[in-house]
Amino acid sequence: MENQVDSVVRYPEVSPVFFIGASLGGVKAFIHLVENLPDDFPAPVFLLLHRIKNSDIKAGDMRMVLQAKTRLTVENAVEGEVVRSGHIYLPPDNLHIGVEDNRIKFYETPDESYWRPAIDVMFKSAAREYTDRTVAILLTGNLDDGVQGLRETSAQGGITVAQSPEDAYAPYLPLNAVM
């Protein structure tokens, strides 16, 4: 009897998947982060700098900057692509990013946020998909995008981390996360 392969490609269940969001000061924080990840980092990493809809800051520009700082693969995410370890994924311009069945998914909605892509959308999607394997990290910034996503991650059994407000370029986002 032949072995049948499940049609859904799954990331190994014991491995974490990292989702990191930032706002003001985030590019500098992301550069510092990727410079310090080991070349054989054994997990996927999603980096999201939330931006105002139709912002002049483009994902392709950030990919080039970050790729120059690491040997890991930094890529603009492609919808439907299987999430793989050793890769750093960046969301596209003007779309939210998430994951379904261990594949990258883009969303035009929800549209309740001023931000596109929004950290909350990514964190909530990650929490639903990877539950207790999700590591959601909120870095420097203002306002509160990502705070609800951290709560959802905790509710699903995932790990949540907020940058120390004292260390953040803009302390209000991580401060809102810990309050």
Foldseek 3Di string as FASTA:
>chain_A
DDDDDDPQDDDPLVAAAEEEEEEVVQLVVLLVVQLPQDQPQFYEYEYEHWDFAPDPDFPVVSQVVNVVRHNFAEDAFDFFAAGGTSYYYYYGHQWEWEDDSRTIHTHNDDPPDRTVHFLLVHLLRCCVHNQQSYEYEYEADADEGNLVSQVSNVVSNHHYYYPCLVPGPHRHHSVVNVD
